[in-house]
Amino acid sequence: MLFTSFQVAKRRKKLLNYMLFLRVTPTLPNTFINFASPIVGVPYHIFFLATAIGLIPAAYVTVRVQYFLIYMSKELLY
């Protein structure tokens, strides 16, 4: 744990970019990022901002796919 805390402190200036990268890419589950961030010392404002911005693309795609599926199911039924 000391190693990861040291890495966070070392990359403090680009931590927002790194957190955005973690949120946008599907490599790590969001639950892991949520639990690990305070343990390794990610500041709350960076965590909150990266979460707010990073989850928007996935939410947008999810809503659009759901809308498309509902539209297609109505077209097939009628």
C-alpha atoms as a PDB file:
ATOM      1  CA  MET A   1       0.000   0.000   0.000  1.00  0.00           C
ATOM      2  CA  LEU A   2       2.920   2.293   0.648  1.00  0.00           C
ATOM      3  CA  PHE A   3       4.075   1.860  -2.940  1.00  0.00           C
ATOM      4  CA  THR A   4       0.720   2.949  -4.393  1.00  0.00           C
ATOM      5  CA  SER A   5       0.521   5.928  -2.060  1.00  0.00           C
ATOM      6  CA  PHE A   6       3.988   6.949  -3.190  1.00  0.00           C
ATOM      7  CA  GLN A   7       2.946   6.629  -6.840  1.00  0.00           C
ATOM      8  CA  VAL A   8      -0.116   8.824  -6.240  1.00  0.00           C
ATOM      9  CA  ALA A   9       2.030  11.469  -4.548  1.00  0.00           C
ATOM     10  CA  LYS A  10       4.571  11.294  -7.365  1.00  0.00           C
ATOM     11  CA  ARG A  11       1.908  11.853 -10.043  1.00  0.00           C
ATOM     12  CA  ARG A  12      -0.170  14.422  -8.158  1.00  0.00           C
ATOM     13  CA  LYS A  13      -0.079  16.952 -11.043  1.00  0.00           C
ATOM     14  CA  LYS A  14      -1.560  14.536 -13.585  1.00  0.00           C
ATOM     15  CA  LEU A  15      -3.809  12.636 -11.223  1.00  0.00           C
ATOM     16  CA  LEU A  16      -7.025  13.988 -12.774  1.00  0.00           C
ATOM     17  CA  ASN A  17      -5.979  12.696 -16.203  1.00  0.00           C
ATOM     18  CA  TYR A  18      -5.159   9.302 -14.752  1.00  0.00           C
ATOM     19  CA  MET A  19      -8.462   9.070 -12.884  1.00  0.00           C
ATOM     20  CA  LEU A  20     -10.356  10.070 -16.042  1.00  0.00           C
ATOM     21  CA  PHE A  21      -8.509   7.356 -17.930  1.00  0.00           C
ATOM     22  CA  LEU A  22      -9.507   4.782 -15.318  1.00  0.00           C
ATOM     23  CA  ARG A  23     -13.140   5.877 -15.417  1.00  0.00           C
ATOM     24  CA  VAL A  24     -13.474   5.893 -19.208  1.00  0.00           C
ATOM     25  CA  THR A  25     -11.695   2.626 -19.956  1.00  0.00           C
ATOM     26  CA  PRO A  26     -13.403  -0.624 -18.980  1.00  0.00           C
ATOM     27  CA  THR A  27     -10.202  -2.235 -17.652  1.00  0.00           C
ATOM     28  CA  LEU A  28     -11.056  -1.865 -13.963  1.00  0.00           C
ATOM     29  CA  PRO A  29     -14.469  -2.135 -12.363  1.00  0.00           C
ATOM     30  CA  ASN A  30     -15.766   1.124 -10.905  1.00  0.00           C
ATOM     31  CA  THR A  31     -16.294  -0.518  -7.528  1.00  0.00           C
ATOM     32  CA  PHE A  32     -12.575  -1.221  -7.260  1.00  0.00           C
ATOM     33  CA  ILE A  33     -11.742   2.391  -8.145  1.00  0.00           C
ATOM     34  CA  ASN A  34     -14.282   3.636  -5.586  1.00  0.00           C
ATOM     35  CA  PHE A  35     -12.766   1.588  -2.765  1.00  0.00           C
ATOM     36  CA  ALA A  36      -9.096   1.983  -3.703  1.00  0.00           C
ATOM     37  CA  SER A  37      -9.050   5.759  -4.275  1.00  0.00           C
ATOM     38  CA  PRO A  38      -9.326   6.876  -0.640  1.00  0.00           C
ATOM     39  CA  ILE A  39      -6.973   4.129   0.503  1.00  0.00           C
ATOM     40  CA  VAL A  40      -4.146   5.295  -1.766  1.00  0.00           C
ATOM     41  CA  GLY A  41      -4.798   8.960  -1.033  1.00  0.00           C
ATOM     42  CA  VAL A  42      -6.611  10.383  -4.052  1.00  0.00           C
ATOM     43  CA  PRO A  43      -8.025  13.781  -3.048  1.00  0.00           C
ATOM     44  CA  TYR A  44     -11.810  13.939  -2.907  1.00  0.00           C
ATOM     45  CA  HIS A  45     -12.171  16.820  -5.380  1.00  0.00           C
ATOM     46  CA  ILE A  46     -10.152  14.976  -8.030  1.00  0.00           C
ATOM     47  CA  PHE A  47     -12.067  11.760  -7.396  1.00  0.00           C
ATOM     48  CA  PHE A  48     -15.426  13.551  -7.646  1.00  0.00           C
ATOM     49  CA  LEU A  49     -14.534  15.495 -10.790  1.00  0.00           C
ATOM     50  CA  ALA A  50     -13.086  12.458 -12.561  1.00  0.00           C
ATOM     51  CA  THR A  51     -16.139  10.399 -11.619  1.00  0.00           C
ATOM     52  CA  ALA A  52     -18.572  13.065 -12.807  1.00  0.00           C
ATOM     53  CA  ILE A  53     -16.809  13.578 -16.137  1.00  0.00           C
ATOM     54  CA  GLY A  54     -15.627  10.019 -16.689  1.00  0.00           C
ATOM     55  CA  LEU A  55     -18.957   8.279 -16.279  1.00  0.00           C
ATOM     56  CA  ILE A  56     -20.873  10.568 -18.645  1.00  0.00           C
ATOM     57  CA  PRO A  57     -19.806   8.781 -21.879  1.00  0.00           C
ATOM     58  CA  ALA A  58     -20.791   5.353 -20.564  1.00  0.00           C
ATOM     59  CA  ALA A  59     -24.110   6.670 -19.277  1.00  0.00           C
ATOM     60  CA  TYR A  60     -24.832   8.358 -22.610  1.00  0.00           C
ATOM     61  CA  VAL A  61     -24.131   5.190 -24.574  1.00  0.00           C
ATOM     62  CA  THR A  62     -26.275   3.135 -22.197  1.00  0.00           C
ATOM     63  CA  VAL A  63     -29.238   5.500 -22.542  1.00  0.00           C
ATOM     64  CA  ARG A  64     -28.936   5.664 -26.330  1.00  0.00           C
ATOM     65  CA  VAL A  65     -28.781   1.863 -26.654  1.00  0.00           C
ATOM     66  CA  GLN A  66     -31.787   1.489 -24.373  1.00  0.00           C
ATOM     67  CA  TYR A  67     -33.720   4.059 -26.396  1.00  0.00           C
ATOM     68  CA  PHE A  68     -32.820   2.247 -29.612  1.00  0.00           C
ATOM     69  CA  LEU A  69     -33.900  -1.133 -28.210  1.00  0.00           C
ATOM     70  CA  ILE A  70     -37.228   0.256 -27.024  1.00  0.00           C
ATOM     71  CA  TYR A  71     -37.787   1.885 -30.420  1.00  0.00           C
ATOM     72  CA  MET A  72     -36.947  -1.345 -32.246  1.00  0.00           C
ATOM     73  CA  SER A  73     -39.171  -3.455 -30.030  1.00  0.00           C
ATOM     74  CA  LYS A  74     -42.111  -1.128 -30.696  1.00  0.00           C
ATOM     75  CA  GLU A  75     -41.456  -1.292 -34.447  1.00  0.00           C
ATOM     76  CA  LEU A  76     -41.393  -5.079 -34.370  1.00  0.00           C
ATOM     77  CA  LEU A  77     -44.587  -5.353 -32.331  1.00  0.00           C
ATOM     78  CA  TYR A  78     -46.676  -3.040 -34.480  1.00  0.00           C
END
